[in-house]
């Protein structure tokens, strides 16, 4: 049995102001396709300004959306290849 090591690089980019953090997550797959997702965080006006926390929340939301898109993509590929409808897994 042959084992192959494959790596994916996920990029996260943040745009911030005093109240909002937006994140974009991007993964480029070995077949050349890209999957992109977005996440947002809003600071409550009574909270202290902690940009790292906003990045963590917005980044986590973007990565969660990215994971859901990858699951959907995989199930669509399974369905196309098999001719049947697979059951999506929810995380």
Protein backbone atom coordinates (compact mmCIF):
# COMPACT_ATOMS: atom_id res chain seq x y z
CA UNK A 1 0.00 0.00 0.00
CA UNK A 2 1.44 3.36 -1.06
CA UNK A 3 1.07 6.40 1.21
CA UNK A 4 1.01 9.88 -0.22
CA UNK A 5 1.49 13.08 1.71
CA UNK A 6 -0.57 16.02 0.50
CA UNK A 7 -0.51 19.52 1.94
CA UNK A 8 -3.04 22.29 1.74
CA UNK A 9 -2.26 25.87 2.62
CA UNK A 10 -5.07 27.90 4.12
CA UNK A 11 -4.76 31.67 4.01
CA UNK A 12 -6.58 34.00 6.39
CA UNK A 13 -6.82 37.71 5.78
CA UNK A 14 -8.40 40.25 8.15
CA UNK A 15 -9.92 43.68 7.64
CA UNK A 16 -10.58 45.63 10.82
CA UNK A 17 -11.89 48.89 12.17
CA UNK A 18 -12.70 49.88 15.77
CA UNK A 19 -15.94 47.87 15.88
CA UNK A 20 -15.73 45.15 13.22
CA UNK A 21 -13.40 42.41 12.07
CA UNK A 22 -13.92 40.63 8.77
CA UNK A 23 -11.99 37.52 7.81
CA UNK A 24 -11.54 35.76 4.50
CA UNK A 25 -10.30 32.16 4.45
CA UNK A 26 -8.95 30.69 1.24
CA UNK A 27 -7.69 27.22 0.41
CA UNK A 28 -6.20 26.25 -2.94
CA UNK A 29 -6.77 22.58 -3.68
CA UNK A 30 -4.35 20.34 -5.61
CA UNK A 31 -6.72 20.30 -8.62
CA UNK A 32 -6.31 24.08 -8.95
CA UNK A 33 -9.70 24.98 -7.55
CA UNK A 34 -10.12 27.46 -4.72
CA UNK A 35 -12.63 27.59 -1.91
CA UNK A 36 -13.19 30.93 -0.16
CA UNK A 37 -15.28 31.74 2.91
CA UNK A 38 -15.99 34.75 5.09
CA UNK A 39 -16.43 35.38 8.80
CA UNK A 40 -17.32 38.45 10.84
CA UNK A 41 -17.04 39.66 14.41
CA UNK A 42 -18.47 42.80 15.98
CA UNK A 43 -17.15 44.30 19.19
CA UNK A 44 -19.79 45.28 21.72
CA UNK A 45 -19.44 48.97 22.49
CA UNK A 46 -18.79 48.24 26.19
CA UNK A 47 -15.95 45.78 25.49
CA UNK A 48 -12.33 46.88 25.37
CA UNK A 49 -10.71 47.02 21.95
CA UNK A 50 -8.90 43.67 21.56
CA UNK A 51 -8.17 43.15 17.85
CA UNK A 52 -6.73 39.66 18.39
CA UNK A 53 -10.01 38.45 19.89
CA UNK A 54 -11.95 39.82 16.93
CA UNK A 55 -9.53 38.05 14.58
CA UNK A 56 -9.94 34.77 16.45
CA UNK A 57 -13.74 34.95 16.28
CA UNK A 58 -13.95 36.13 12.67
CA UNK A 59 -11.22 33.65 11.65
CA UNK A 60 -12.97 30.74 13.37
CA UNK A 61 -16.24 31.64 11.66
CA UNK A 62 -14.53 31.84 8.26
CA UNK A 63 -12.80 28.48 8.83
CA UNK A 64 -16.09 26.91 9.92
CA UNK A 65 -17.75 28.15 6.72
CA UNK A 66 -14.76 26.90 4.72
CA UNK A 67 -15.15 23.45 6.31
CA UNK A 68 -18.85 23.36 5.40
CA UNK A 69 -18.11 24.34 1.80
CA UNK A 70 -15.45 21.62 1.54
CA UNK A 71 -17.89 19.02 2.89
CA UNK A 72 -20.52 20.12 0.37
CA UNK A 73 -17.96 20.01 -2.46
CA UNK A 74 -16.84 16.51 -1.46
CA UNK A 75 -20.41 15.21 -1.33
CA UNK A 76 -21.19 16.70 -4.74
CA UNK A 77 -18.11 14.92 -6.13
CA UNK A 78 -19.19 11.64 -4.50
CA UNK A 79 -22.66 12.01 -6.00
CA UNK A 80 -21.29 12.76 -9.46
CA UNK A 81 -18.90 9.82 -9.41
CA UNK A 82 -21.34 7.30 -7.91
CA UNK A 83 -24.63 8.38 -9.43
CA UNK A 84 -26.31 8.34 -6.03
CA UNK A 85 -27.03 10.94 -3.38
CA UNK A 86 -24.69 10.89 -0.38
CA UNK A 87 -25.65 12.11 3.05
CA UNK A 88 -23.79 15.27 4.04
CA UNK A 89 -22.00 15.22 7.37
CA UNK A 90 -22.71 18.18 9.62
CA UNK A 91 -19.94 19.42 11.86
